[in-house]
Amino acid sequence: YGAFLEGDDVHSAGFAQAGIVVMGNEA
């Protein structure tokens, strides 16, 4: 998973039990 300004809404994304979430640089 990657945190972007667009994509699936986190409130209804239905995350899998396992995975990797990538968080980007502050700027």
mmCIF file of all heavy atoms, coordinates in Angstrom:
data_MODEL
# 
_entry.id   MODEL 
# 
loop_
_atom_site.group_PDB 
_atom_site.id 
_atom_site.type_symbol 
_atom_site.label_atom_id 
_atom_site.label_alt_id 
_atom_site.label_comp_id 
_atom_site.label_asym_id 
_atom_site.label_entity_id 
_atom_site.label_seq_id 
_atom_site.pdbx_PDB_ins_code 
_atom_site.Cartn_x 
_atom_site.Cartn_y 
_atom_site.Cartn_z 
_atom_site.occupancy 
_atom_site.B_iso_or_equiv 
_atom_site.pdbx_formal_charge 
_atom_site.auth_seq_id 
_atom_site.auth_comp_id 
_atom_site.auth_asym_id 
_atom_site.auth_atom_id 
_atom_site.pdbx_PDB_model_num 
ATOM 1   N N   . TYR A 1 1  ? 0.858   -1.184  0.000  1.00 0.00 ? 1  TYR A N   1 
ATOM 2   C CA  . TYR A 1 1  ? 0.000   0.000   0.000  1.00 0.00 ? 1  TYR A CA  1 
ATOM 3   C C   . TYR A 1 1  ? 0.895   1.236   0.000  1.00 0.00 ? 1  TYR A C   1 
ATOM 4   O O   . TYR A 1 1  ? 1.977   1.235   0.591  1.00 0.00 ? 1  TYR A O   1 
ATOM 5   C CB  . TYR A 1 1  ? -0.879  0.042   1.249  1.00 0.00 ? 1  TYR A CB  1 
ATOM 6   C CG  . TYR A 1 1  ? -1.804  -1.142  1.420  1.00 0.00 ? 1  TYR A CG  1 
ATOM 7   C CD1 . TYR A 1 1  ? -1.373  -2.294  2.075  1.00 0.00 ? 1  TYR A CD1 1 
ATOM 8   C CD2 . TYR A 1 1  ? -3.115  -1.094  0.963  1.00 0.00 ? 1  TYR A CD2 1 
ATOM 9   C CE1 . TYR A 1 1  ? -2.227  -3.371  2.251  1.00 0.00 ? 1  TYR A CE1 1 
ATOM 10  C CE2 . TYR A 1 1  ? -3.970  -2.177  1.130  1.00 0.00 ? 1  TYR A CE2 1 
ATOM 11  C CZ  . TYR A 1 1  ? -3.515  -3.313  1.773  1.00 0.00 ? 1  TYR A CZ  1 
ATOM 12  O OH  . TYR A 1 1  ? -4.353  -4.386  1.940  1.00 0.00 ? 1  TYR A OH  1 
ATOM 13  N N   . GLY A 1 2  ? 0.430   2.300   -0.614 1.00 0.00 ? 2  GLY A N   1 
ATOM 14  C CA  . GLY A 1 2  ? 1.164   3.552   -0.589 1.00 0.00 ? 2  GLY A CA  1 
ATOM 15  C C   . GLY A 1 2  ? 0.239   4.696   -0.233 1.00 0.00 ? 2  GLY A C   1 
ATOM 16  O O   . GLY A 1 2  ? -0.900  4.764   -0.721 1.00 0.00 ? 2  GLY A O   1 
ATOM 17  N N   . ALA A 1 3  ? 0.682   5.594   0.644  1.00 0.00 ? 3  ALA A N   1 
ATOM 18  C CA  . ALA A 1 3  ? -0.117  6.747   1.050  1.00 0.00 ? 3  ALA A CA  1 
ATOM 19  C C   . ALA A 1 3  ? 0.070   7.874   0.036  1.00 0.00 ? 3  ALA A C   1 
ATOM 20  O O   . ALA A 1 3  ? 1.168   8.422   -0.110 1.00 0.00 ? 3  ALA A O   1 
ATOM 21  C CB  . ALA A 1 3  ? 0.298   7.207   2.440  1.00 0.00 ? 3  ALA A CB  1 
ATOM 22  N N   . PHE A 1 4  ? -0.996  8.205   -0.670 1.00 0.00 ? 4  PHE A N   1 
ATOM 23  C CA  . PHE A 1 4  ? -0.962  9.237   -1.704 1.00 0.00 ? 4  PHE A CA  1 
ATOM 24  C C   . PHE A 1 4  ? -2.099  10.233  -1.462 1.00 0.00 ? 4  PHE A C   1 
ATOM 25  O O   . PHE A 1 4  ? -2.914  10.069  -0.551 1.00 0.00 ? 4  PHE A O   1 
ATOM 26  C CB  . PHE A 1 4  ? -1.126  8.611   -3.095 1.00 0.00 ? 4  PHE A CB  1 
ATOM 27  C CG  . PHE A 1 4  ? 0.065   7.811   -3.554 1.00 0.00 ? 4  PHE A CG  1 
ATOM 28  C CD1 . PHE A 1 4  ? 0.169   6.459   -3.244 1.00 0.00 ? 4  PHE A CD1 1 
ATOM 29  C CD2 . PHE A 1 4  ? 1.073   8.398   -4.301 1.00 0.00 ? 4  PHE A CD2 1 
ATOM 30  C CE1 . PHE A 1 4  ? 1.258   5.708   -3.668 1.00 0.00 ? 4  PHE A CE1 1 
ATOM 31  C CE2 . PHE A 1 4  ? 2.172   7.658   -4.723 1.00 0.00 ? 4  PHE A CE2 1 
ATOM 32  C CZ  . PHE A 1 4  ? 2.264   6.314   -4.408 1.00 0.00 ? 4  PHE A CZ  1 
ATOM 33  N N   . LEU A 1 5  ? -2.161  11.244  -2.310 1.00 0.00 ? 5  LEU A N   1 
ATOM 34  C CA  . LEU A 1 5  ? -3.246  12.220  -2.246 1.00 0.00 ? 5  LEU A CA  1 
ATOM 35  C C   . LEU A 1 5  ? -4.495  11.715  -2.955 1.00 0.00 ? 5  LEU A C   1 
ATOM 36  O O   . LEU A 1 5  ? -5.534  12.365  -2.935 1.00 0.00 ? 5  LEU A O   1 
ATOM 37  C CB  . LEU A 1 5  ? -2.801  13.558  -2.841 1.00 0.00 ? 5  LEU A CB  1 
ATOM 38  C CG  . LEU A 1 5  ? -1.676  14.274  -2.090 1.00 0.00 ? 5  LEU A CG  1 
ATOM 39  C CD1 . LEU A 1 5  ? -1.282  15.549  -2.812 1.00 0.00 ? 5  LEU A CD1 1 
ATOM 40  C CD2 . LEU A 1 5  ? -2.103  14.582  -0.655 1.00 0.00 ? 5  LEU A CD2 1 
ATOM 41  N N   . GLU A 1 6  ? -4.363  10.576  -3.629 1.00 0.00 ? 6  GLU A N   1 
ATOM 42  C CA  . GLU A 1 6  ? -5.514  9.958   -4.272 1.00 0.00 ? 6  GLU A CA  1 
ATOM 43  C C   . GLU A 1 6  ? -5.438  8.460   -4.031 1.00 0.00 ? 6  GLU A C   1 
ATOM 44  O O   . GLU A 1 6  ? -4.409  7.956   -3.604 1.00 0.00 ? 6  GLU A O   1 
ATOM 45  C CB  . GLU A 1 6  ? -5.547  10.247  -5.781 1.00 0.00 ? 6  GLU A CB  1 
ATOM 46  C CG  . GLU A 1 6  ? -4.514  9.482   -6.618 1.00 0.00 ? 6  GLU A CG  1 
ATOM 47  C CD  . GLU A 1 6  ? -3.087  9.980   -6.477 1.00 0.00 ? 6  GLU A CD  1 
ATOM 48  O OE1 . GLU A 1 6  ? -2.902  11.148  -6.098 1.00 0.00 ? 6  GLU A OE1 1 
ATOM 49  O OE2 . GLU A 1 6  ? -2.162  9.182   -6.742 1.00 0.00 ? 6  GLU A OE2 1 
ATOM 50  N N   . GLY A 1 7  ? -6.536  7.752   -4.286 1.00 0.00 ? 7  GLY A N   1 
ATOM 51  C CA  . GLY A 1 7  ? -6.555  6.315   -4.066 1.00 0.00 ? 7  GLY A CA  1 
ATOM 52  C C   . GLY A 1 7  ? -7.759  5.918   -3.237 1.00 0.00 ? 7  GLY A C   1 
ATOM 53  O O   . GLY A 1 7  ? -8.721  6.683   -3.073 1.00 0.00 ? 7  GLY A O   1 
ATOM 54  N N   . ASP A 1 8  ? -7.750  4.692   -2.712 1.00 0.00 ? 8  ASP A N   1 
ATOM 55  C CA  . ASP A 1 8  ? -8.867  4.199   -1.912 1.00 0.00 ? 8  ASP A CA  1 
ATOM 56  C C   . ASP A 1 8  ? -8.943  4.932   -0.574 1.00 0.00 ? 8  ASP A C   1 
ATOM 57  O O   . ASP A 1 8  ? -7.922  5.157   0.085  1.00 0.00 ? 8  ASP A O   1 
ATOM 58  C CB  . ASP A 1 8  ? -8.705  2.695   -1.635 1.00 0.00 ? 8  ASP A CB  1 
ATOM 59  C CG  . ASP A 1 8  ? -8.737  1.871   -2.910 1.00 0.00 ? 8  ASP A CG  1 
ATOM 60  O OD1 . ASP A 1 8  ? -9.341  2.339   -3.903 1.00 0.00 ? 8  ASP A OD1 1 
ATOM 61  O OD2 . ASP A 1 8  ? -8.156  0.764   -2.902 1.00 0.00 ? 8  ASP A OD2 1 
ATOM 62  N N   . ASP A 1 9  ? -10.147 5.291   -0.176 1.00 0.00 ? 9  ASP A N   1 
ATOM 63  C CA  . ASP A 1 9  ? -10.396 5.931   1.116  1.00 0.00 ? 9  ASP A CA  1 
ATOM 64  C C   . ASP A 1 9  ? -9.987  4.954   2.229  1.00 0.00 ? 9  ASP A C   1 
ATOM 65  O O   . ASP A 1 9  ? -10.448 3.812   2.263  1.00 0.00 ? 9  ASP A O   1 
ATOM 66  C CB  . ASP A 1 9  ? -11.876 6.267   1.209  1.00 0.00 ? 9  ASP A CB  1 
ATOM 67  C CG  . ASP A 1 9  ? -12.259 7.019   2.481  1.00 0.00 ? 9  ASP A CG  1 
ATOM 68  O OD1 . ASP A 1 9  ? -11.557 6.878   3.503  1.00 0.00 ? 9  ASP A OD1 1 
ATOM 69  O OD2 . ASP A 1 9  ? -13.272 7.726   2.451  1.00 0.00 ? 9  ASP A OD2 1 
ATOM 70  N N   . VAL A 1 10 ? -9.117  5.390   3.152  1.00 0.00 ? 10 VAL A N   1 
ATOM 71  C CA  . VAL A 1 10 ? -8.644  4.484   4.218  1.00 0.00 ? 10 VAL A CA  1 
ATOM 72  C C   . VAL A 1 10 ? -9.783  3.977   5.094  1.00 0.00 ? 10 VAL A C   1 
ATOM 73  O O   . VAL A 1 10 ? -9.674  2.919   5.707  1.00 0.00 ? 10 VAL A O   1 
ATOM 74  C CB  . VAL A 1 10 ? -7.569  5.144   5.113  1.00 0.00 ? 10 VAL A CB  1 
ATOM 75  C CG1 . VAL A 1 10 ? -6.301  5.406   4.355  1.00 0.00 ? 10 VAL A CG1 1 
ATOM 76  C CG2 . VAL A 1 10 ? -8.097  6.414   5.769  1.00 0.00 ? 10 VAL A CG2 1 
ATOM 77  N N   . HIS A 1 11 ? -10.889 4.729   5.168  1.00 0.00 ? 11 HIS A N   1 
ATOM 78  C CA  . HIS A 1 11 ? -11.991 4.334   6.035  1.00 0.00 ? 11 HIS A CA  1 
ATOM 79  C C   . HIS A 1 11 ? -12.779 3.156   5.468  1.00 0.00 ? 11 HIS A C   1 
ATOM 80  O O   . HIS A 1 11 ? -13.533 2.505   6.198  1.00 0.00 ? 11 HIS A O   1 
ATOM 81  C CB  . HIS A 1 11 ? -12.934 5.514   6.262  1.00 0.00 ? 11 HIS A CB  1 
ATOM 82  C CG  . HIS A 1 11 ? -12.261 6.698   6.876  1.00 0.00 ? 11 HIS A CG  1 
ATOM 83  N ND1 . HIS A 1 11 ? -11.497 6.611   8.012  1.00 0.00 ? 11 HIS A ND1 1 
ATOM 84  C CD2 . HIS A 1 11 ? -12.230 8.013   6.514  1.00 0.00 ? 11 HIS A CD2 1 
ATOM 85  C CE1 . HIS A 1 11 ? -11.028 7.806   8.330  1.00 0.00 ? 11 HIS A CE1 1 
ATOM 86  N NE2 . HIS A 1 11 ? -11.450 8.667   7.435  1.00 0.00 ? 11 HIS A NE2 1 
ATOM 87  N N   . SER A 1 12 ? -12.644 2.904   4.186  1.00 0.00 ? 12 SER A N   1 
ATOM 88  C CA  . SER A 1 12 ? -13.399 1.813   3.569  1.00 0.00 ? 12 SER A CA  1 
ATOM 89  C C   . SER A 1 12 ? -12.519 0.946   2.674  1.00 0.00 ? 12 SER A C   1 
ATOM 90  O O   . SER A 1 12 ? -13.034 0.191   1.849  1.00 0.00 ? 12 SER A O   1 
ATOM 91  C CB  . SER A 1 12 ? -14.564 2.389   2.752  1.00 0.00 ? 12 SER A CB  1 
ATOM 92  O OG  . SER A 1 12 ? -14.087 3.327   1.793  1.00 0.00 ? 12 SER A OG  1 
ATOM 93  N N   . ALA A 1 13 ? -11.210 1.034   2.847  1.00 0.00 ? 13 ALA A N   1 
ATOM 94  C CA  . ALA A 1 13 ? -10.283 0.332   1.953  1.00 0.00 ? 13 ALA A CA  1 
ATOM 95  C C   . ALA A 1 13 ? -10.318 -1.175  2.130  1.00 0.00 ? 13 ALA A C   1 
ATOM 96  O O   . ALA A 1 13 ? -9.974  -1.920  1.217  1.00 0.00 ? 13 ALA A O   1 
ATOM 97  C CB  . ALA A 1 13 ? -8.854  0.842   2.165  1.00 0.00 ? 13 ALA A CB  1 
ATOM 98  N N   . GLY A 1 14 ? -10.717 -1.647  3.310  1.00 0.00 ? 14 GLY A N   1 
ATOM 99  C CA  . GLY A 1 14 ? -10.742 -3.090  3.535  1.00 0.00 ? 14 GLY A CA  1 
ATOM 100 C C   . GLY A 1 14 ? -9.358  -3.703  3.457  1.00 0.00 ? 14 GLY A C   1 
ATOM 101 O O   . GLY A 1 14 ? -9.086  -4.590  2.662  1.00 0.00 ? 14 GLY A O   1 
ATOM 102 N N   . PHE A 1 15 ? -8.446  -3.241  4.306  1.00 0.00 ? 15 PHE A N   1 
ATOM 103 C CA  . PHE A 1 15 ? -7.065  -3.695  4.297  1.00 0.00 ? 15 PHE A CA  1 
ATOM 104 C C   . PHE A 1 15 ? -6.966  -5.211  4.480  1.00 0.00 ? 15 PHE A C   1 
ATOM 105 O O   . PHE A 1 15 ? -7.708  -5.801  5.264  1.00 0.00 ? 15 PHE A O   1 
ATOM 106 C CB  . PHE A 1 15 ? -6.277  -3.035  5.434  1.00 0.00 ? 15 PHE A CB  1 
ATOM 107 C CG  . PHE A 1 15 ? -6.033  -1.572  5.243  1.00 0.00 ? 15 PHE A CG  1 
ATOM 108 C CD1 . PHE A 1 15 ? -6.911  -0.634  5.762  1.00 0.00 ? 15 PHE A CD1 1 
ATOM 109 C CD2 . PHE A 1 15 ? -4.921  -1.133  4.548  1.00 0.00 ? 15 PHE A CD2 1 
ATOM 110 C CE1 . PHE A 1 15 ? -6.686  0.730   5.606  1.00 0.00 ? 15 PHE A CE1 1 
ATOM 111 C CE2 . PHE A 1 15 ? -4.690  0.224   4.380  1.00 0.00 ? 15 PHE A CE2 1 
ATOM 112 C CZ  . PHE A 1 15 ? -5.568  1.157   4.905  1.00 0.00 ? 15 PHE A CZ  1 
ATOM 113 N N   . ALA A 1 16 ? -6.028  -5.814  3.773  1.00 0.00 ? 16 ALA A N   1 
ATOM 114 C CA  . ALA A 1 16 ? -5.705  -7.219  4.006  1.00 0.00 ? 16 ALA A CA  1 
ATOM 115 C C   . ALA A 1 16 ? -5.035  -7.366  5.365  1.00 0.00 ? 16 ALA A C   1 
ATOM 116 O O   . ALA A 1 16 ? -4.519  -6.405  5.936  1.00 0.00 ? 16 ALA A O   1 
ATOM 117 C CB  . ALA A 1 16 ? -4.790  -7.739  2.902  1.00 0.00 ? 16 ALA A CB  1 
ATOM 118 N N   . GLN A 1 17 ? -5.029  -8.580  5.888  1.00 0.00 ? 17 GLN A N   1 
ATOM 119 C CA  . GLN A 1 17 ? -4.408  -8.827  7.198  1.00 0.00 ? 17 GLN A CA  1 
ATOM 120 C C   . GLN A 1 17 ? -2.915  -8.557  7.159  1.00 0.00 ? 17 GLN A C   1 
ATOM 121 O O   . GLN A 1 17 ? -2.323  -8.103  8.133  1.00 0.00 ? 17 GLN A O   1 
ATOM 122 C CB  . GLN A 1 17 ? -4.658  -10.265 7.640  1.00 0.00 ? 17 GLN A CB  1 
ATOM 123 C CG  . GLN A 1 17 ? -4.155  -10.556 9.047  1.00 0.00 ? 17 GLN A CG  1 
ATOM 124 C CD  . GLN A 1 17 ? -4.482  -11.965 9.494  1.00 0.00 ? 17 GLN A CD  1 
ATOM 125 O OE1 . GLN A 1 17 ? -4.916  -12.784 8.703  1.00 0.00 ? 17 GLN A OE1 1 
ATOM 126 N NE2 . GLN A 1 17 ? -4.263  -12.251 10.764 1.00 0.00 ? 17 GLN A NE2 1 
ATOM 127 N N   . ALA A 1 18 ? -2.286  -8.849  6.028  1.00 0.00 ? 18 ALA A N   1 
ATOM 128 C CA  . ALA A 1 18 ? -0.839  -8.659  5.894  1.00 0.00 ? 18 ALA A CA  1 
ATOM 129 C C   . ALA A 1 18 ? -0.555  -7.683  4.757  1.00 0.00 ? 18 ALA A C   1 
ATOM 130 O O   . ALA A 1 18 ? -1.349  -7.526  3.831  1.00 0.00 ? 18 ALA A O   1 
ATOM 131 C CB  . ALA A 1 18 ? -0.150  -9.986  5.620  1.00 0.00 ? 18 ALA A CB  1 
ATOM 132 N N   . GLY A 1 19 ? 0.587   -7.050  4.828  1.00 0.00 ? 19 GLY A N   1 
ATOM 133 C CA  . GLY A 1 19 ? 0.986   -6.133  3.774  1.00 0.00 ? 19 GLY A CA  1 
ATOM 134 C C   . GLY A 1 19 ? 2.065   -5.187  4.250  1.00 0.00 ? 19 GLY A C   1 
ATOM 135 O O   . GLY A 1 19 ? 2.586   -5.307  5.363  1.00 0.00 ? 19 GLY A O   1 
ATOM 136 N N   . ILE A 1 20 ? 2.385   -4.237  3.395  1.00 0.00 ? 20 ILE A N   1 
ATOM 137 C CA  . ILE A 1 20 ? 3.366   -3.191  3.709  1.00 0.00 ? 20 ILE A CA  1 
ATOM 138 C C   . ILE A 1 20 ? 2.732   -1.852  3.341  1.00 0.00 ? 20 ILE A C   1 
ATOM 139 O O   . ILE A 1 20 ? 2.191   -1.704  2.243  1.00 0.00 ? 20 ILE A O   1 
ATOM 140 C CB  . ILE A 1 20 ? 4.666   -3.369  2.896  1.00 0.00 ? 20 ILE A CB  1 
ATOM 141 C CG1 . ILE A 1 20 ? 5.293   -4.735  3.174  1.00 0.00 ? 20 ILE A CG1 1 
ATOM 142 C CG2 . ILE A 1 20 ? 5.663   -2.253  3.213  1.00 0.00 ? 20 ILE A CG2 1 
ATOM 143 C CD1 . ILE A 1 20 ? 6.445   -5.080  2.237  1.00 0.00 ? 20 ILE A CD1 1 
ATOM 144 N N   . VAL A 1 21 ? 2.778   -0.892  4.255  1.00 0.00 ? 21 VAL A N   1 
ATOM 145 C CA  . VAL A 1 21 ? 2.281   0.452   3.980  1.00 0.00 ? 21 VAL A CA  1 
ATOM 146 C C   . VAL A 1 21 ? 3.472   1.393   3.856  1.00 0.00 ? 21 VAL A C   1 
ATOM 147 O O   . VAL A 1 21 ? 4.263   1.528   4.802  1.00 0.00 ? 21 VAL A O   1 
ATOM 148 C CB  . VAL A 1 21 ? 1.328   0.946   5.086  1.00 0.00 ? 21 VAL A CB  1 
ATOM 149 C CG1 . VAL A 1 21 ? 0.958   2.408   4.833  1.00 0.00 ? 21 VAL A CG1 1 
ATOM 150 C CG2 . VAL A 1 21 ? 0.076   0.098   5.138  1.00 0.00 ? 21 VAL A CG2 1 
ATOM 151 N N   . VAL A 1 22 ? 3.603   2.041   2.702  1.00 0.00 ? 22 VAL A N   1 
ATOM 152 C CA  . VAL A 1 22 ? 4.707   2.971   2.452  1.00 0.00 ? 22 VAL A CA  1 
ATOM 153 C C   . VAL A 1 22 ? 4.255   4.386   2.784  1.00 0.00 ? 22 VAL A C   1 
ATOM 154 O O   . VAL A 1 22 ? 3.228   4.857   2.283  1.00 0.00 ? 22 VAL A O   1 
ATOM 155 C CB  . VAL A 1 22 ? 5.170   2.910   0.984  1.00 0.00 ? 22 VAL A CB  1 
ATOM 156 C CG1 . VAL A 1 22 ? 6.382   3.819   0.780  1.00 0.00 ? 22 VAL A CG1 1 
ATOM 157 C CG2 . VAL A 1 22 ? 5.493   1.475   0.577  1.00 0.00 ? 22 VAL A CG2 1 
ATOM 158 N N   . MET A 1 23 ? 5.027   5.062   3.637  1.00 0.00 ? 23 MET A N   1 
ATOM 159 C CA  . MET A 1 23 ? 4.788   6.465   3.967  1.00 0.00 ? 23 MET A CA  1 
ATOM 160 C C   . MET A 1 23 ? 5.910   7.292   3.363  1.00 0.00 ? 23 MET A C   1 
ATOM 161 O O   . MET A 1 23 ? 7.092   6.961   3.515  1.00 0.00 ? 23 MET A O   1 
ATOM 162 C CB  . MET A 1 23 ? 4.747   6.663   5.488  1.00 0.00 ? 23 MET A CB  1 
ATOM 163 C CG  . MET A 1 23 ? 3.733   5.794   6.219  1.00 0.00 ? 23 MET A CG  1 
ATOM 164 S SD  . MET A 1 23 ? 2.033   6.033   5.678  1.00 0.00 ? 23 MET A SD  1 
ATOM 165 C CE  . MET A 1 23 ? 1.766   7.768   6.088  1.00 0.00 ? 23 MET A CE  1 
ATOM 166 N N   . GLY A 1 24 ? 5.543   8.372   2.677  1.00 0.00 ? 24 GLY A N   1 
ATOM 167 C CA  . GLY A 1 24 ? 6.531   9.143   1.933  1.00 0.00 ? 24 GLY A CA  1 
ATOM 168 C C   . GLY A 1 24 ? 7.190   10.252  2.725  1.00 0.00 ? 24 GLY A C   1 
ATOM 169 O O   . GLY A 1 24 ? 6.780   10.595  3.846  1.00 0.00 ? 24 GLY A O   1 
ATOM 170 N N   . ASN A 1 25 ? 8.199   10.828  2.114  1.00 0.00 ? 25 ASN A N   1 
ATOM 171 C CA  . ASN A 1 25 ? 8.938   11.962  2.667  1.00 0.00 ? 25 ASN A CA  1 
ATOM 172 C C   . ASN A 1 25 ? 7.999   13.122  2.994  1.00 0.00 ? 25 ASN A C   1 
ATOM 173 O O   . ASN A 1 25 ? 7.027   13.366  2.291  1.00 0.00 ? 25 ASN A O   1 
ATOM 174 C CB  . ASN A 1 25 ? 9.995   12.391  1.634  1.00 0.00 ? 25 ASN A CB  1 
ATOM 175 C CG  . ASN A 1 25 ? 10.694  13.671  2.001  1.00 0.00 ? 25 ASN A CG  1 
ATOM 176 O OD1 . ASN A 1 25 ? 10.253  14.752  1.627  1.00 0.00 ? 25 ASN A OD1 1 
ATOM 177 N ND2 . ASN A 1 25 ? 11.794  13.560  2.716  1.00 0.00 ? 25 ASN A ND2 1 
ATOM 178 N N   . GLU A 1 26 ? 8.329   13.860  4.065  1.00 0.00 ? 26 GLU A N   1 
ATOM 179 C CA  . GLU A 1 26 ? 7.471   14.933  4.549  1.00 0.00 ? 26 GLU A CA  1 
ATOM 180 C C   . GLU A 1 26 ? 7.169   15.980  3.479  1.00 0.00 ? 26 GLU A C   1 
ATOM 181 O O   . GLU A 1 26 ? 6.058   16.523  3.425  1.00 0.00 ? 26 GLU A O   1 
ATOM 182 C CB  . GLU A 1 26 ? 8.129   15.632  5.756  1.00 0.00 ? 26 GLU A CB  1 
ATOM 183 C CG  . GLU A 1 26 ? 8.230   14.776  6.986  1.00 0.00 ? 26 GLU A CG  1 
ATOM 184 C CD  . GLU A 1 26 ? 9.543   14.028  7.123  1.00 0.00 ? 26 GLU A CD  1 
ATOM 185 O OE1 . GLU A 1 26 ? 10.201  13.776  6.076  1.00 0.00 ? 26 GLU A OE1 1 
ATOM 186 O OE2 . GLU A 1 26 ? 9.918   13.682  8.248  1.00 0.00 ? 26 GLU A OE2 1 
ATOM 187 N N   . ALA A 1 27 ? 8.123   16.283  2.624  1.00 0.00 ? 27 ALA A N   1 
ATOM 188 C CA  . ALA A 1 27 ? 7.932   17.343  1.627  1.00 0.00 ? 27 ALA A CA  1 
ATOM 189 C C   . ALA A 1 27 ? 7.542   16.811  0.255  1.00 0.00 ? 27 ALA A C   1 
ATOM 190 O O   . ALA A 1 27 ? 6.768   17.446  -0.468 1.00 0.00 ? 27 ALA A O   1 
ATOM 191 C CB  . ALA A 1 27 ? 9.212   18.172  1.505  1.00 0.00 ? 27 ALA A CB  1 
# 
